[in-house]
Protein backbone atom coordinates (compact mmCIF):
# COMPACT_ATOMS: atom_id res chain seq x y z
CA MET A 1 6.91 -78.45 -163.49
CA ASN A 2 4.15 -79.23 -161.17
CA ASP A 3 5.09 -81.82 -158.74
CA THR A 4 2.21 -81.35 -155.93
CA ALA A 5 1.02 -85.07 -156.90
CA GLN A 6 4.20 -86.24 -155.45
CA ARG A 7 4.28 -84.25 -151.97
CA PRO A 8 2.99 -86.09 -148.95
CA ALA A 9 -0.01 -84.21 -147.21
CA LEU A 10 1.12 -82.02 -144.45
CA PRO A 11 -0.09 -83.34 -141.20
CA ASP A 12 -1.72 -81.64 -138.15
CA ARG A 13 1.22 -81.62 -136.12
CA LEU A 14 4.79 -81.67 -137.15
CA SER A 15 8.14 -81.37 -135.42
CA VAL A 16 11.71 -81.05 -137.08
CA ASP A 17 13.19 -83.10 -133.92
CA PRO A 18 13.81 -86.85 -135.21
CA ARG A 19 13.15 -87.89 -131.76
CA SER A 20 9.50 -86.78 -131.63
CA PRO A 21 6.84 -88.84 -132.69
CA HIS A 22 5.50 -85.96 -135.06
CA TYR A 23 8.67 -86.19 -137.04
CA ASP A 24 8.17 -87.28 -140.62
CA ALA A 25 11.29 -87.63 -143.00
CA ALA A 26 9.28 -87.63 -146.08
CA ILE A 27 7.81 -84.20 -145.76
CA PHE A 28 11.10 -82.76 -144.69
CA GLU A 29 12.65 -83.87 -148.40
CA HIS A 30 10.59 -80.92 -149.71
CA ASP A 31 10.91 -77.07 -148.66
CA ILE A 32 7.92 -76.41 -146.29
CA GLY A 33 6.91 -72.85 -145.03
CA ILE A 34 4.65 -71.76 -141.83
CA LYS A 35 2.51 -68.94 -141.73
CA LEU A 36 1.28 -67.62 -138.32
CA ASN A 37 -1.41 -65.00 -138.34
CA ASP A 38 -0.21 -64.30 -142.06
CA LYS A 39 3.39 -63.78 -141.10
CA GLU A 40 5.79 -66.28 -142.38
CA LEU A 41 8.21 -67.80 -139.82
CA ASN A 42 11.67 -69.31 -140.74
CA ASN A 43 12.70 -70.62 -137.47
CA VAL A 44 9.68 -72.77 -136.36
CA SER A 45 10.56 -76.18 -134.65
CA GLU A 46 7.20 -77.59 -134.28
CA TYR A 47 3.53 -76.61 -135.18
CA CYS A 48 -0.08 -77.79 -134.24
CA ILE A 49 -2.83 -76.63 -137.01
CA SER A 50 -5.89 -77.80 -134.64
CA GLU A 51 -4.60 -76.20 -131.45
CA GLY A 52 -3.38 -72.92 -132.99
CA TRP A 53 0.55 -73.04 -132.21
CA VAL A 54 3.96 -72.74 -133.36
CA LYS A 55 7.27 -73.26 -131.12
CA ILE A 56 10.46 -71.15 -131.98
CA PRO A 57 13.56 -71.13 -130.09
CA ALA A 58 13.52 -68.52 -127.26
CA GLY A 59 17.00 -66.91 -128.34
CA ARG A 60 20.30 -68.37 -127.21
CA ALA A 61 19.08 -70.05 -123.95
CA LEU A 62 19.63 -73.69 -123.69
CA ASP A 63 18.06 -76.23 -121.49
CA ARG A 64 20.20 -78.85 -119.30
CA LYS A 65 20.45 -81.11 -122.21
CA GLY A 66 21.77 -78.78 -124.57
CA ASN A 67 18.33 -78.12 -126.73
CA PRO A 68 17.23 -74.70 -127.14
CA MET A 69 14.59 -73.52 -125.04
CA MET A 70 11.14 -72.92 -126.78
CA SER A 71 8.37 -70.20 -127.07
CA LYS A 72 4.96 -71.14 -127.89
CA LEU A 73 3.27 -68.40 -130.21
CA LYS A 74 -0.58 -68.78 -130.66
CA GLY A 75 -2.65 -67.99 -133.57
CA ARG A 76 -3.72 -69.27 -136.94
CA VAL A 77 -1.28 -71.72 -138.35
CA GLU A 78 -0.87 -72.42 -142.18
CA PRO A 79 1.89 -74.76 -143.33
CA PHE A 80 2.65 -74.67 -147.45
CA TYR A 81 4.87 -76.25 -149.67
CA ARG A 82 7.36 -73.55 -151.25
């Protein structure tokens, strides 16, 4: 069962926040994974392949609007479909 033809191409930049201009609901219908420097991360909120960074929540800290504070990790980013 190879359904790779039905999957949209992964963009250069993607965010899980629906308010972001880099959000794409069609991609999140499929299970995707992110590797940073050959290590798979499970809590990525946003990534950019060309700039080489991912954003992950920084513990339990929240900003004044109640959103989690983000940390930016840099390296080689590889998104993939699971």
